[in-house]
């Protein structure tokens, strides 16, 4: 199996076929997917974003998407998504580890995210990677769910 990571940021081109797959994965499998316009403007003027795509034999089983603040050296995880057919193979953990490694090389020192309190699988993943809970926000999600705010200093 041929596996590689593809870095997509403001200096690289987000190819239409990759964008289509990311949109499709998001729409089908993310609890709060972005609309098409949001994806089309993912690298709009002023947006500092970083996407790391896992590609295996021409297929994309998962990706991570960060919003960056380079000046303050922090990254906000907006999305991590692994196709349900590919879960259980540590794709999400490997994606996050690689993204953190690359962003650390670029000077990012603080990572943070929100995760739904009831999402135990994701919370366990983040905790296993060293992220710490710093806050809870009730009614954060459109379904009324509570968000757990987590951070990692590298």
N, C-alpha and C. Protein backbone atom coordinates (compact mmCIF):
# COMPACT_ATOMS: atom_id res chain seq x y z
N UNK A 1 0.85 -1.18 0.00
CA UNK A 1 0.00 0.00 0.00
C UNK A 1 0.89 1.24 0.00
N UNK A 2 0.62 2.14 -0.92
CA UNK A 2 1.37 3.38 -1.03
C UNK A 2 0.66 4.48 -0.24
N UNK A 3 1.35 5.03 0.77
CA UNK A 3 0.76 6.06 1.63
C UNK A 3 1.67 7.27 1.65
N UNK A 4 1.05 8.45 1.59
CA UNK A 4 1.82 9.69 1.71
C UNK A 4 0.92 10.76 2.31
N UNK A 5 1.58 11.79 2.84
CA UNK A 5 0.86 12.95 3.34
C UNK A 5 1.02 14.08 2.35
N UNK A 6 -0.06 14.82 2.15
CA UNK A 6 -0.05 15.98 1.28
C UNK A 6 -0.34 17.20 2.14
N UNK A 7 0.57 18.16 2.11
CA UNK A 7 0.38 19.42 2.82
C UNK A 7 -0.26 20.41 1.86
N UNK A 8 -1.35 21.02 2.31
CA UNK A 8 -2.02 22.03 1.51
C UNK A 8 -2.13 23.28 2.38
N UNK A 9 -1.56 24.37 1.89
CA UNK A 9 -1.66 25.65 2.59
C UNK A 9 -1.75 26.76 1.56
N UNK A 10 -1.62 28.00 2.00
CA UNK A 10 -1.81 29.12 1.07
C UNK A 10 -0.74 29.17 -0.02
N UNK A 11 0.39 28.46 0.18
CA UNK A 11 1.45 28.46 -0.82
C UNK A 11 1.31 27.33 -1.83
N UNK A 12 0.37 26.42 -1.59
CA UNK A 12 0.18 25.30 -2.51
C UNK A 12 -1.22 25.36 -3.10
N UNK A 13 -1.38 24.67 -4.18
CA UNK A 13 -2.68 24.67 -4.85
C UNK A 13 -3.56 23.56 -4.29
N UNK A 14 -4.79 23.89 -3.98
CA UNK A 14 -5.77 22.89 -3.59
C UNK A 14 -6.45 22.44 -4.88
N UNK A 15 -6.04 21.27 -5.35
CA UNK A 15 -6.54 20.77 -6.62
C UNK A 15 -8.02 20.43 -6.52
N UNK A 16 -8.73 20.64 -7.61
CA UNK A 16 -10.18 20.47 -7.62
C UNK A 16 -10.60 19.07 -7.21
N UNK A 17 -9.88 18.04 -7.65
CA UNK A 17 -10.28 16.67 -7.31
C UNK A 17 -10.09 16.39 -5.82
N UNK A 18 -9.03 16.94 -5.21
CA UNK A 18 -8.82 16.78 -3.77
C UNK A 18 -9.88 17.57 -3.00
N UNK A 19 -10.15 18.79 -3.43
CA UNK A 19 -11.19 19.60 -2.79
C UNK A 19 -12.53 18.87 -2.83
N UNK A 20 -12.85 18.25 -3.95
CA UNK A 20 -14.10 17.51 -4.07
C UNK A 20 -14.18 16.39 -3.03
N UNK A 21 -13.09 15.64 -2.86
CA UNK A 21 -13.07 14.54 -1.90
C UNK A 21 -13.19 15.05 -0.47
N UNK A 22 -12.47 16.14 -0.14
CA UNK A 22 -12.56 16.71 1.21
C UNK A 22 -13.98 17.17 1.51
N UNK A 23 -14.60 17.87 0.56
CA UNK A 23 -15.98 18.33 0.72
C UNK A 23 -16.91 17.14 0.94
N UNK A 24 -16.73 16.10 0.13
CA UNK A 24 -17.58 14.92 0.19
C UNK A 24 -17.43 14.20 1.53
N UNK A 25 -16.19 14.01 1.98
CA UNK A 25 -15.96 13.38 3.28
C UNK A 25 -16.61 14.20 4.39
N UNK A 26 -16.42 15.50 4.33
CA UNK A 26 -16.98 16.40 5.34
C UNK A 26 -18.51 16.30 5.36
N UNK A 27 -19.11 16.39 4.19
CA UNK A 27 -20.58 16.36 4.08
C UNK A 27 -21.15 15.03 4.59
N UNK A 28 -20.49 13.94 4.25
CA UNK A 28 -21.03 12.62 4.59
C UNK A 28 -20.74 12.19 6.04
N UNK A 29 -19.62 12.66 6.60
CA UNK A 29 -19.18 12.05 7.85
C UNK A 29 -18.89 13.01 9.00
N UNK A 30 -18.92 14.33 8.79
CA UNK A 30 -18.63 15.25 9.89
C UNK A 30 -19.95 15.69 10.51
N UNK A 31 -20.02 15.75 11.85
CA UNK A 31 -21.29 16.11 12.48
C UNK A 31 -21.81 17.49 12.09
N UNK A 32 -20.90 18.44 11.85
CA UNK A 32 -21.30 19.79 11.43
C UNK A 32 -20.50 20.16 10.19
N UNK A 33 -20.91 19.63 9.03
CA UNK A 33 -20.14 19.89 7.81
C UNK A 33 -20.25 21.34 7.36
N UNK A 34 -19.20 21.77 6.65
CA UNK A 34 -19.22 23.09 6.04
C UNK A 34 -20.06 23.04 4.78
N UNK A 35 -20.62 24.17 4.40
CA UNK A 35 -21.30 24.23 3.11
C UNK A 35 -20.23 24.38 2.01
N UNK A 36 -20.66 24.24 0.78
CA UNK A 36 -19.74 24.28 -0.36
C UNK A 36 -19.00 25.61 -0.45
N UNK A 37 -19.69 26.70 -0.16
CA UNK A 37 -19.06 28.03 -0.23
C UNK A 37 -17.92 28.15 0.77
N UNK A 38 -18.09 27.59 1.97
CA UNK A 38 -17.02 27.64 2.97
C UNK A 38 -15.79 26.88 2.48
N UNK A 39 -16.02 25.73 1.87
CA UNK A 39 -14.88 24.97 1.33
C UNK A 39 -14.23 25.72 0.18
N UNK A 40 -15.04 26.33 -0.67
CA UNK A 40 -14.48 27.06 -1.81
C UNK A 40 -13.63 28.24 -1.37
N UNK A 41 -13.87 28.73 -0.15
CA UNK A 41 -13.12 29.89 0.37
C UNK A 41 -12.16 29.52 1.49
N UNK A 42 -11.79 28.23 1.56
CA UNK A 42 -10.95 27.77 2.67
C UNK A 42 -9.63 28.54 2.77
N UNK A 43 -9.12 29.00 1.63
CA UNK A 43 -7.89 29.79 1.63
C UNK A 43 -8.13 31.21 1.13
N UNK A 44 -9.32 31.74 1.44
CA UNK A 44 -9.65 33.10 1.00
C UNK A 44 -8.68 34.09 1.63
N UNK A 45 -8.69 35.28 1.10
CA UNK A 45 -7.79 36.33 1.58
C UNK A 45 -7.93 36.51 3.09
N UNK A 46 -6.82 36.48 3.77
CA UNK A 46 -6.81 36.67 5.21
C UNK A 46 -6.89 35.37 6.00
N UNK A 47 -7.30 34.28 5.37
CA UNK A 47 -7.39 33.00 6.08
C UNK A 47 -6.05 32.28 6.01
N UNK A 48 -5.51 31.98 7.15
CA UNK A 48 -4.25 31.24 7.24
C UNK A 48 -4.64 29.82 7.67
N UNK A 49 -4.66 28.92 6.72
CA UNK A 49 -5.11 27.55 6.99
C UNK A 49 -4.03 26.54 6.61
N UNK A 50 -4.15 25.36 7.18
CA UNK A 50 -3.23 24.26 6.92
C UNK A 50 -4.05 22.98 6.88
N UNK A 51 -3.92 22.24 5.79
CA UNK A 51 -4.60 20.96 5.64
C UNK A 51 -3.53 19.90 5.43
N UNK A 52 -3.67 18.80 6.14
CA UNK A 52 -2.82 17.64 5.90
C UNK A 52 -3.73 16.50 5.50
N UNK A 53 -3.45 15.95 4.32
CA UNK A 53 -4.28 14.90 3.74
C UNK A 53 -3.50 13.59 3.76
N UNK A 54 -4.15 12.54 4.20
CA UNK A 54 -3.59 11.19 4.14
C UNK A 54 -4.06 10.60 2.81
N UNK A 55 -3.12 10.20 1.99
CA UNK A 55 -3.48 9.62 0.69
C UNK A 55 -2.88 8.22 0.60
N UNK A 56 -3.71 7.25 0.29
CA UNK A 56 -3.28 5.86 0.18
C UNK A 56 -3.80 5.29 -1.12
N UNK A 57 -2.88 4.87 -1.96
CA UNK A 57 -3.23 4.28 -3.27
C UNK A 57 -4.24 5.13 -4.02
N UNK A 58 -4.03 6.46 -3.99
CA UNK A 58 -4.89 7.38 -4.71
C UNK A 58 -6.19 7.74 -3.99
N UNK A 59 -6.45 7.12 -2.84
CA UNK A 59 -7.66 7.41 -2.07
C UNK A 59 -7.30 8.26 -0.87
N UNK A 60 -8.29 8.99 -0.35
CA UNK A 60 -8.08 9.86 0.81
C UNK A 60 -8.94 9.35 1.95
N UNK A 61 -8.32 8.61 2.89
CA UNK A 61 -9.11 8.11 4.02
C UNK A 61 -9.32 9.15 5.12
N UNK A 62 -8.53 10.24 5.11
CA UNK A 62 -8.71 11.23 6.16
C UNK A 62 -7.90 12.48 5.97
N UNK A 63 -8.23 13.50 6.78
CA UNK A 63 -7.52 14.77 6.72
C UNK A 63 -7.68 15.52 8.03
N UNK A 64 -6.79 16.49 8.25
CA UNK A 64 -6.93 17.44 9.35
C UNK A 64 -6.88 18.84 8.75
N UNK A 65 -7.59 19.76 9.38
CA UNK A 65 -7.65 21.14 8.93
C UNK A 65 -7.48 22.06 10.14
N UNK A 66 -6.48 22.92 10.05
CA UNK A 66 -6.18 23.87 11.12
C UNK A 66 -6.35 25.30 10.63
N UNK A 67 -6.78 26.16 11.52
CA UNK A 67 -6.74 27.60 11.34
C UNK A 67 -5.48 28.04 12.08
N UNK A 68 -4.63 28.84 11.44
CA UNK A 68 -3.35 29.23 12.03
C UNK A 68 -3.32 30.70 12.40
N UNK A 69 -2.60 30.98 13.46
CA UNK A 69 -2.23 32.34 13.81
C UNK A 69 -0.71 32.31 13.97
N UNK A 70 -0.02 32.58 12.88
CA UNK A 70 1.44 32.47 12.85
C UNK A 70 2.09 33.50 13.77
N UNK A 71 1.54 34.69 13.83
CA UNK A 71 2.11 35.75 14.67
C UNK A 71 2.15 35.33 16.13
N UNK A 72 1.07 34.73 16.61
CA UNK A 72 1.00 34.29 18.00
C UNK A 72 1.39 32.82 18.17
N UNK A 73 1.82 32.18 17.10
CA UNK A 73 2.31 30.79 17.05
C UNK A 73 1.33 29.77 17.64
N UNK A 74 0.03 29.89 17.23
CA UNK A 74 -0.90 28.85 17.64
C UNK A 74 -1.74 28.36 16.47
N UNK A 75 -2.24 27.12 16.64
CA UNK A 75 -3.06 26.48 15.62
C UNK A 75 -4.34 25.97 16.28
N UNK A 76 -5.45 26.21 15.62
CA UNK A 76 -6.77 25.77 16.10
C UNK A 76 -7.25 24.65 15.18
N UNK A 77 -7.44 23.48 15.73
CA UNK A 77 -7.94 22.35 14.94
C UNK A 77 -9.41 22.59 14.63
N UNK A 78 -9.71 22.76 13.34
CA UNK A 78 -11.09 22.97 12.92
C UNK A 78 -11.78 21.65 12.59
N UNK A 79 -11.03 20.76 11.95
CA UNK A 79 -11.62 19.48 11.54
C UNK A 79 -10.56 18.39 11.53
N UNK A 80 -10.94 17.24 12.01
CA UNK A 80 -10.20 16.01 11.77
C UNK A 80 -11.25 15.00 11.36
N UNK A 81 -10.99 14.33 10.26
CA UNK A 81 -11.99 13.41 9.75
C UNK A 81 -11.30 12.20 9.16
N UNK A 82 -11.74 11.03 9.58
CA UNK A 82 -11.30 9.77 9.00
C UNK A 82 -12.56 9.06 8.53
N UNK A 83 -12.54 8.64 7.28
CA UNK A 83 -13.67 7.91 6.72
C UNK A 83 -13.98 6.72 7.63
N UNK A 84 -15.24 6.52 8.02
CA UNK A 84 -15.58 5.41 8.91
C UNK A 84 -15.07 4.04 8.43
N UNK A 85 -14.98 3.87 7.12
CA UNK A 85 -14.46 2.60 6.58
C UNK A 85 -12.99 2.39 6.91
N UNK A 86 -12.29 3.45 7.29
CA UNK A 86 -10.86 3.37 7.54
C UNK A 86 -10.50 3.59 9.01
N UNK A 87 -11.48 3.60 9.88
CA UNK A 87 -11.20 3.81 11.30
C UNK A 87 -10.63 2.54 11.92
N UNK A 88 -9.87 2.74 12.98
CA UNK A 88 -9.27 1.61 13.68
C UNK A 88 -7.85 1.31 13.23
N UNK A 89 -7.30 2.12 12.33
CA UNK A 89 -5.94 1.92 11.81
C UNK A 89 -4.99 3.03 12.22
N UNK A 90 -5.37 3.83 13.23
CA UNK A 90 -4.56 4.93 13.76
C UNK A 90 -4.31 6.04 12.73
N UNK A 91 -5.17 6.15 11.73
CA UNK A 91 -5.02 7.20 10.72
C UNK A 91 -5.15 8.57 11.35
N UNK A 92 -6.16 8.76 12.21
CA UNK A 92 -6.36 10.05 12.85
C UNK A 92 -5.18 10.44 13.72
N UNK A 93 -4.71 9.52 14.53
CA UNK A 93 -3.57 9.80 15.41
C UNK A 93 -2.32 10.12 14.58
N UNK A 94 -2.09 9.35 13.53
CA UNK A 94 -0.93 9.60 12.69
C UNK A 94 -1.03 10.95 11.96
N UNK A 95 -2.23 11.29 11.49
CA UNK A 95 -2.44 12.59 10.86
C UNK A 95 -2.13 13.73 11.83
N UNK A 96 -2.66 13.63 13.03
CA UNK A 96 -2.42 14.68 14.03
C UNK A 96 -0.95 14.78 14.39
N UNK A 97 -0.31 13.64 14.61
CA UNK A 97 1.13 13.66 14.93
C UNK A 97 1.94 14.31 13.83
N UNK A 98 1.64 13.96 12.58
CA UNK A 98 2.38 14.53 11.45
C UNK A 98 2.09 16.03 11.31
N UNK A 99 0.84 16.42 11.46
CA UNK A 99 0.48 17.84 11.36
C UNK A 99 1.19 18.65 12.45
N UNK A 100 1.19 18.13 13.67
CA UNK A 100 1.86 18.83 14.76
C UNK A 100 3.36 18.94 14.48
N UNK A 101 3.94 17.87 13.97
CA UNK A 101 5.37 17.89 13.65
C UNK A 101 5.68 18.97 12.60
N UNK A 102 4.91 18.99 11.51
CA UNK A 102 5.14 19.97 10.44
C UNK A 102 4.91 21.39 10.95
N UNK A 103 3.83 21.59 11.68
CA UNK A 103 3.52 22.94 12.17
C UNK A 103 4.53 23.40 13.22
N UNK A 104 5.03 22.48 14.01
CA UNK A 104 6.08 22.82 14.98
C UNK A 104 7.33 23.31 14.24
N UNK A 105 7.68 22.63 13.14
CA UNK A 105 8.82 23.08 12.33
C UNK A 105 8.59 24.47 11.77
N UNK A 106 7.34 24.86 11.60
CA UNK A 106 6.99 26.18 11.09
C UNK A 106 6.81 27.22 12.20
N UNK A 107 7.10 26.83 13.43
CA UNK A 107 7.07 27.79 14.53
C UNK A 107 5.81 27.80 15.37
N UNK A 108 4.88 26.90 15.09
CA UNK A 108 3.66 26.83 15.89
C UNK A 108 4.00 26.13 17.20
N UNK A 109 3.57 26.72 18.32
CA UNK A 109 3.90 26.18 19.64
C UNK A 109 2.69 25.77 20.46
N UNK A 110 1.52 26.29 20.14
CA UNK A 110 0.32 25.98 20.91
C UNK A 110 -0.77 25.47 19.97
N UNK A 111 -1.39 24.38 20.36
CA UNK A 111 -2.48 23.80 19.60
C UNK A 111 -3.70 23.75 20.51
N UNK A 112 -4.87 24.06 19.94
CA UNK A 112 -6.08 23.92 20.74
C UNK A 112 -7.23 23.44 19.87
N UNK A 113 -8.24 22.93 20.53
CA UNK A 113 -9.40 22.37 19.83
C UNK A 113 -10.59 22.34 20.76
N UNK A 114 -11.75 22.17 20.15
CA UNK A 114 -12.97 21.90 20.87
C UNK A 114 -13.42 20.51 20.47
N UNK A 115 -13.90 19.75 21.44
CA UNK A 115 -14.44 18.42 21.16
C UNK A 115 -15.71 18.25 21.98
N UNK A 116 -16.70 17.64 21.37
CA UNK A 116 -17.96 17.45 22.09
C UNK A 116 -17.73 16.53 23.28
N UNK A 117 -18.27 16.93 24.41
CA UNK A 117 -18.06 16.21 25.66
C UNK A 117 -18.40 14.72 25.53
N UNK A 118 -19.42 14.41 24.75
CA UNK A 118 -19.88 13.02 24.59
C UNK A 118 -19.01 12.21 23.62
N UNK A 119 -18.08 12.84 22.92
CA UNK A 119 -17.25 12.15 21.94
C UNK A 119 -16.03 11.54 22.64
N UNK A 120 -16.26 10.43 23.32
CA UNK A 120 -15.24 9.79 24.15
C UNK A 120 -14.07 9.29 23.31
N UNK A 121 -14.33 8.76 22.12
CA UNK A 121 -13.25 8.25 21.27
C UNK A 121 -12.28 9.38 20.93
N UNK A 122 -12.80 10.51 20.50
CA UNK A 122 -11.94 11.65 20.15
C UNK A 122 -11.23 12.19 21.38
N UNK A 123 -11.95 12.32 22.48
CA UNK A 123 -11.31 12.82 23.70
C UNK A 123 -10.17 11.93 24.15
N UNK A 124 -10.36 10.60 24.06
CA UNK A 124 -9.29 9.67 24.42
C UNK A 124 -8.09 9.83 23.50
N UNK A 125 -8.34 10.03 22.21
CA UNK A 125 -7.24 10.25 21.26
C UNK A 125 -6.45 11.49 21.66
N UNK A 126 -7.14 12.59 21.88
CA UNK A 126 -6.47 13.85 22.21
C UNK A 126 -5.70 13.74 23.52
N UNK A 127 -6.30 13.11 24.52
CA UNK A 127 -5.61 12.94 25.80
C UNK A 127 -4.38 12.06 25.64
N UNK A 128 -4.45 11.02 24.80
CA UNK A 128 -3.30 10.13 24.59
C UNK A 128 -2.14 10.86 23.92
N UNK A 129 -2.45 11.98 23.25
CA UNK A 129 -1.43 12.77 22.58
C UNK A 129 -0.92 13.91 23.45
N UNK A 130 -1.43 14.00 24.67
CA UNK A 130 -0.93 14.99 25.59
C UNK A 130 -1.74 16.26 25.70
N UNK A 131 -2.87 16.36 24.99
CA UNK A 131 -3.70 17.55 25.12
C UNK A 131 -4.37 17.54 26.49
N UNK A 132 -4.50 18.73 27.07
CA UNK A 132 -5.08 18.90 28.40
C UNK A 132 -6.37 19.70 28.31
N UNK A 133 -7.33 19.33 29.13
CA UNK A 133 -8.59 20.06 29.22
C UNK A 133 -8.34 21.37 29.96
N UNK A 134 -8.78 22.48 29.36
CA UNK A 134 -8.61 23.78 30.01
C UNK A 134 -9.94 24.46 30.32
N UNK A 135 -11.03 23.99 29.67
CA UNK A 135 -12.30 24.70 29.86
C UNK A 135 -13.44 23.85 29.29
N UNK A 136 -14.66 24.13 29.76
CA UNK A 136 -15.88 23.56 29.21
C UNK A 136 -16.79 24.70 28.80
N UNK A 137 -17.47 24.54 27.66
CA UNK A 137 -18.45 25.53 27.22
C UNK A 137 -19.76 24.82 26.98
N UNK A 138 -20.74 25.12 27.83
CA UNK A 138 -22.06 24.51 27.66
C UNK A 138 -22.78 25.13 26.46
N UNK A 139 -23.59 24.32 25.81
CA UNK A 139 -24.41 24.74 24.66
C UNK A 139 -23.55 25.32 23.54
N UNK A 140 -22.38 24.79 23.35
CA UNK A 140 -21.46 25.28 22.32
C UNK A 140 -21.90 24.83 20.93
N UNK A 141 -22.37 23.61 20.83
CA UNK A 141 -22.74 23.03 19.54
C UNK A 141 -24.22 23.27 19.23
N UNK A 142 -24.56 23.21 17.94
CA UNK A 142 -25.93 23.48 17.52
C UNK A 142 -26.92 22.48 18.12
N UNK A 143 -26.44 21.29 18.49
CA UNK A 143 -27.32 20.30 19.11
C UNK A 143 -27.45 20.52 20.62
N UNK A 144 -26.82 21.59 21.13
CA UNK A 144 -26.87 21.89 22.55
C UNK A 144 -25.76 21.25 23.36
N UNK A 145 -24.90 20.50 22.67
CA UNK A 145 -23.83 19.79 23.36
C UNK A 145 -22.77 20.71 23.95
N UNK A 146 -22.10 20.17 24.97
CA UNK A 146 -21.03 20.88 25.66
C UNK A 146 -19.70 20.61 24.97
N UNK A 147 -18.91 21.65 24.81
CA UNK A 147 -17.57 21.52 24.23
C UNK A 147 -16.54 21.45 25.35
N UNK A 148 -15.59 20.56 25.15
CA UNK A 148 -14.42 20.49 26.00
C UNK A 148 -13.30 21.18 25.23
N UNK A 149 -12.69 22.20 25.80
CA UNK A 149 -11.61 22.92 25.17
C UNK A 149 -10.30 22.30 25.66
N UNK A 150 -9.44 21.90 24.71
CA UNK A 150 -8.19 21.23 25.04
C UNK A 150 -7.03 21.98 24.38
N UNK A 151 -5.85 21.86 24.99
CA UNK A 151 -4.67 22.53 24.44
C UNK A 151 -3.43 21.66 24.60
N UNK A 152 -2.46 21.94 23.76
CA UNK A 152 -1.16 21.27 23.79
C UNK A 152 -0.09 22.31 23.52
N UNK A 153 0.92 22.36 24.39
CA UNK A 153 2.08 23.22 24.18
C UNK A 153 3.23 22.33 23.74
N UNK A 154 3.90 22.73 22.65
CA UNK A 154 5.04 21.93 22.16
C UNK A 154 6.31 22.76 22.15
